[in-house]
Amino acid sequence: MLRLREIRERQGLSLRGLAEVSGVGLATLVRLEAGDYDPRLSTLHKLSKALRVSVPTLLGEGKHAPKKGRKGR
């Protein structure tokens, strides 16, 4: 999960707090943040709802995603 930790920390949530508000298990969140687990779409929806961001933003593809540098410059 590319941006889960960044978004969670920016909102002042602990892993345990995010688990409580999202309904996603703590162990699953730990694995997601470590990059050891590819989430189901239903898990992405739960997390995006709890964090009040879109799924693409959660994946690093939304409006808050880091901008990519220009090629050839």
N, C-alpha and C. Protein backbone atom coordinates (compact mmCIF):
# COMPACT_ATOMS: atom_id res chain seq x y z
N MET A 1 0.86 -1.16 0.00
CA MET A 1 0.00 0.00 0.00
C MET A 1 0.90 1.22 0.00
N LEU A 2 0.98 1.83 -1.12
CA LEU A 2 1.96 2.89 -1.32
C LEU A 2 1.84 4.04 -0.34
N ARG A 3 0.64 4.56 -0.08
CA ARG A 3 0.51 5.78 0.71
C ARG A 3 -0.27 5.61 2.00
N LEU A 4 -0.58 4.40 2.38
CA LEU A 4 -1.41 4.18 3.56
C LEU A 4 -0.79 4.80 4.81
N ARG A 5 0.47 4.50 5.08
CA ARG A 5 1.12 5.02 6.30
C ARG A 5 1.15 6.55 6.28
N GLU A 6 1.53 7.12 5.16
CA GLU A 6 1.61 8.58 5.05
C GLU A 6 0.26 9.24 5.36
N ILE A 7 -0.79 8.75 4.77
CA ILE A 7 -2.12 9.33 4.97
C ILE A 7 -2.59 9.11 6.40
N ARG A 8 -2.38 7.91 6.91
CA ARG A 8 -2.79 7.59 8.28
C ARG A 8 -2.08 8.49 9.28
N GLU A 9 -0.78 8.64 9.15
CA GLU A 9 -0.02 9.47 10.08
C GLU A 9 -0.39 10.95 9.95
N ARG A 10 -0.62 11.41 8.73
CA ARG A 10 -1.02 12.81 8.52
C ARG A 10 -2.33 13.11 9.24
N GLN A 11 -3.19 12.11 9.35
CA GLN A 11 -4.47 12.29 10.02
C GLN A 11 -4.39 11.99 11.52
N GLY A 12 -3.20 11.66 12.00
CA GLY A 12 -3.01 11.44 13.43
C GLY A 12 -3.59 10.14 13.95
N LEU A 13 -3.72 9.16 13.07
CA LEU A 13 -4.27 7.87 13.47
C LEU A 13 -3.16 6.85 13.72
N SER A 14 -3.32 6.08 14.76
CA SER A 14 -2.44 4.94 14.98
C SER A 14 -2.95 3.78 14.14
N LEU A 15 -2.16 2.74 14.02
CA LEU A 15 -2.62 1.55 13.32
C LEU A 15 -3.86 0.98 14.01
N ARG A 16 -3.82 0.94 15.32
CA ARG A 16 -4.96 0.41 16.09
C ARG A 16 -6.21 1.28 15.86
N GLY A 17 -6.02 2.59 15.83
CA GLY A 17 -7.15 3.50 15.59
C GLY A 17 -7.75 3.31 14.21
N LEU A 18 -6.89 3.16 13.20
CA LEU A 18 -7.39 2.92 11.85
C LEU A 18 -8.11 1.58 11.77
N ALA A 19 -7.60 0.58 12.46
CA ALA A 19 -8.26 -0.72 12.48
C ALA A 19 -9.67 -0.60 13.05
N GLU A 20 -9.80 0.18 14.11
CA GLU A 20 -11.11 0.36 14.75
C GLU A 20 -12.10 1.09 13.85
N VAL A 21 -11.66 2.18 13.21
CA VAL A 21 -12.61 2.96 12.41
C VAL A 21 -12.89 2.34 11.04
N SER A 22 -11.97 1.52 10.54
CA SER A 22 -12.15 0.95 9.20
C SER A 22 -12.76 -0.45 9.21
N GLY A 23 -12.58 -1.16 10.31
CA GLY A 23 -13.03 -2.55 10.35
C GLY A 23 -12.05 -3.51 9.70
N VAL A 24 -10.85 -3.02 9.38
CA VAL A 24 -9.79 -3.86 8.81
C VAL A 24 -8.90 -4.30 9.97
N GLY A 25 -8.54 -5.55 10.00
CA GLY A 25 -7.75 -6.09 11.11
C GLY A 25 -6.39 -5.44 11.24
N LEU A 26 -5.93 -5.33 12.47
CA LEU A 26 -4.63 -4.73 12.76
C LEU A 26 -3.50 -5.47 12.05
N ALA A 27 -3.53 -6.78 12.08
CA ALA A 27 -2.48 -7.56 11.41
C ALA A 27 -2.47 -7.29 9.91
N THR A 28 -3.64 -7.14 9.33
CA THR A 28 -3.73 -6.83 7.90
C THR A 28 -3.13 -5.47 7.60
N LEU A 29 -3.42 -4.48 8.44
CA LEU A 29 -2.86 -3.14 8.25
C LEU A 29 -1.34 -3.15 8.34
N VAL A 30 -0.81 -3.89 9.30
CA VAL A 30 0.64 -3.99 9.45
C VAL A 30 1.25 -4.58 8.18
N ARG A 31 0.64 -5.63 7.67
CA ARG A 31 1.14 -6.27 6.44
C ARG A 31 1.02 -5.34 5.23
N LEU A 32 -0.07 -4.58 5.16
CA LEU A 32 -0.25 -3.65 4.05
C LEU A 32 0.84 -2.58 4.06
N GLU A 33 1.06 -1.99 5.23
CA GLU A 33 2.07 -0.93 5.32
C GLU A 33 3.47 -1.45 5.06
N ALA A 34 3.72 -2.70 5.37
CA ALA A 34 5.03 -3.30 5.13
C ALA A 34 5.20 -3.71 3.66
N GLY A 35 4.10 -3.69 2.91
CA GLY A 35 4.16 -4.09 1.51
C GLY A 35 4.14 -5.60 1.32
N ASP A 36 3.72 -6.33 2.36
CA ASP A 36 3.70 -7.78 2.31
C ASP A 36 2.36 -8.36 1.87
N TYR A 37 1.43 -7.52 1.50
CA TYR A 37 0.07 -8.00 1.25
C TYR A 37 -0.60 -7.10 0.22
N ASP A 38 -1.24 -7.70 -0.76
CA ASP A 38 -2.04 -6.96 -1.73
C ASP A 38 -3.50 -7.02 -1.28
N PRO A 39 -4.09 -5.87 -1.01
CA PRO A 39 -5.45 -5.86 -0.44
C PRO A 39 -6.53 -6.19 -1.46
N ARG A 40 -7.63 -6.69 -0.94
CA ARG A 40 -8.83 -6.88 -1.76
C ARG A 40 -9.45 -5.51 -2.01
N LEU A 41 -10.26 -5.44 -3.03
CA LEU A 41 -10.94 -4.19 -3.34
C LEU A 41 -11.83 -3.76 -2.18
N SER A 42 -12.47 -4.70 -1.51
CA SER A 42 -13.33 -4.35 -0.38
C SER A 42 -12.51 -3.73 0.75
N THR A 43 -11.28 -4.19 0.94
CA THR A 43 -10.41 -3.61 1.97
C THR A 43 -10.01 -2.19 1.59
N LEU A 44 -9.70 -1.97 0.33
CA LEU A 44 -9.37 -0.62 -0.14
C LEU A 44 -10.53 0.34 0.08
N HIS A 45 -11.74 -0.13 -0.19
CA HIS A 45 -12.91 0.71 0.02
C HIS A 45 -13.10 1.05 1.49
N LYS A 46 -12.92 0.09 2.37
CA LYS A 46 -13.04 0.35 3.80
C LYS A 46 -12.02 1.38 4.26
N LEU A 47 -10.78 1.22 3.80
CA LEU A 47 -9.73 2.15 4.20
C LEU A 47 -9.94 3.54 3.62
N SER A 48 -10.35 3.62 2.38
CA SER A 48 -10.56 4.93 1.77
C SER A 48 -11.72 5.66 2.45
N LYS A 49 -12.75 4.93 2.84
CA LYS A 49 -13.87 5.54 3.54
C LYS A 49 -13.44 6.03 4.92
N ALA A 50 -12.70 5.20 5.65
CA ALA A 50 -12.25 5.57 6.99
C ALA A 50 -11.29 6.76 6.96
N LEU A 51 -10.45 6.84 5.93
CA LEU A 51 -9.47 7.92 5.82
C LEU A 51 -9.98 9.13 5.04
N ARG A 52 -11.19 8.99 4.49
CA ARG A 52 -11.83 10.07 3.71
C ARG A 52 -10.96 10.51 2.52
N VAL A 53 -10.45 9.51 1.81
CA VAL A 53 -9.70 9.75 0.57
C VAL A 53 -10.20 8.76 -0.47
N SER A 54 -9.92 9.02 -1.72
CA SER A 54 -10.32 8.09 -2.77
C SER A 54 -9.37 6.90 -2.82
N VAL A 55 -9.81 5.84 -3.42
CA VAL A 55 -8.95 4.67 -3.60
C VAL A 55 -7.71 5.04 -4.42
N PRO A 56 -7.85 5.77 -5.54
CA PRO A 56 -6.64 6.16 -6.27
C PRO A 56 -5.66 6.98 -5.43
N THR A 57 -6.17 7.85 -4.56
CA THR A 57 -5.28 8.62 -3.68
C THR A 57 -4.56 7.68 -2.73
N LEU A 58 -5.26 6.73 -2.20
CA LEU A 58 -4.67 5.75 -1.29
C LEU A 58 -3.56 4.97 -1.98
N LEU A 59 -3.73 4.71 -3.26
CA LEU A 59 -2.75 3.97 -4.04
C LEU A 59 -1.65 4.85 -4.61
N GLY A 60 -1.73 6.16 -4.36
CA GLY A 60 -0.71 7.07 -4.87
C GLY A 60 -0.98 7.56 -6.27
N GLU A 61 -2.23 7.46 -6.71
CA GLU A 61 -2.58 7.86 -8.08
C GLU A 61 -3.51 9.05 -8.12
N GLY A 62 -3.96 9.52 -6.97
CA GLY A 62 -4.94 10.59 -6.91
C GLY A 62 -4.31 11.97 -6.91
N LYS A 63 -5.13 12.95 -6.54
CA LYS A 63 -4.68 14.35 -6.60
C LYS A 63 -3.56 14.66 -5.63
N HIS A 64 -3.38 13.86 -4.59
CA HIS A 64 -2.32 14.11 -3.62
C HIS A 64 -1.09 13.23 -3.89
N ALA A 65 -1.09 12.57 -5.04
CA ALA A 65 0.04 11.71 -5.38
C ALA A 65 1.26 12.56 -5.69
N PRO A 66 2.45 12.06 -5.37
CA PRO A 66 3.67 12.79 -5.71
C PRO A 66 3.76 12.99 -7.21
N LYS A 67 4.18 14.17 -7.62
CA LYS A 67 4.30 14.44 -9.05
C LYS A 67 5.55 13.76 -9.59
N LYS A 68 5.40 13.27 -10.80
CA LYS A 68 6.51 12.61 -11.46
C LYS A 68 7.33 13.64 -12.21
N GLY A 69 8.65 13.43 -12.25
CA GLY A 69 9.52 14.36 -12.96
C GLY A 69 9.33 14.25 -14.46
N ARG A 70 9.72 15.28 -15.15
CA ARG A 70 9.62 15.26 -16.61
C ARG A 70 10.76 14.47 -17.20
N LYS A 71 10.44 13.74 -18.24
CA LYS A 71 11.47 12.97 -18.94
C LYS A 71 12.16 13.89 -19.94
N GLY A 72 13.45 13.63 -20.11
CA GLY A 72 14.18 14.38 -21.12
C GLY A 72 14.62 15.76 -20.66
N ARG A 73 14.54 16.06 -19.40
CA ARG A 73 14.98 17.37 -18.92
C ARG A 73 16.01 17.22 -17.86
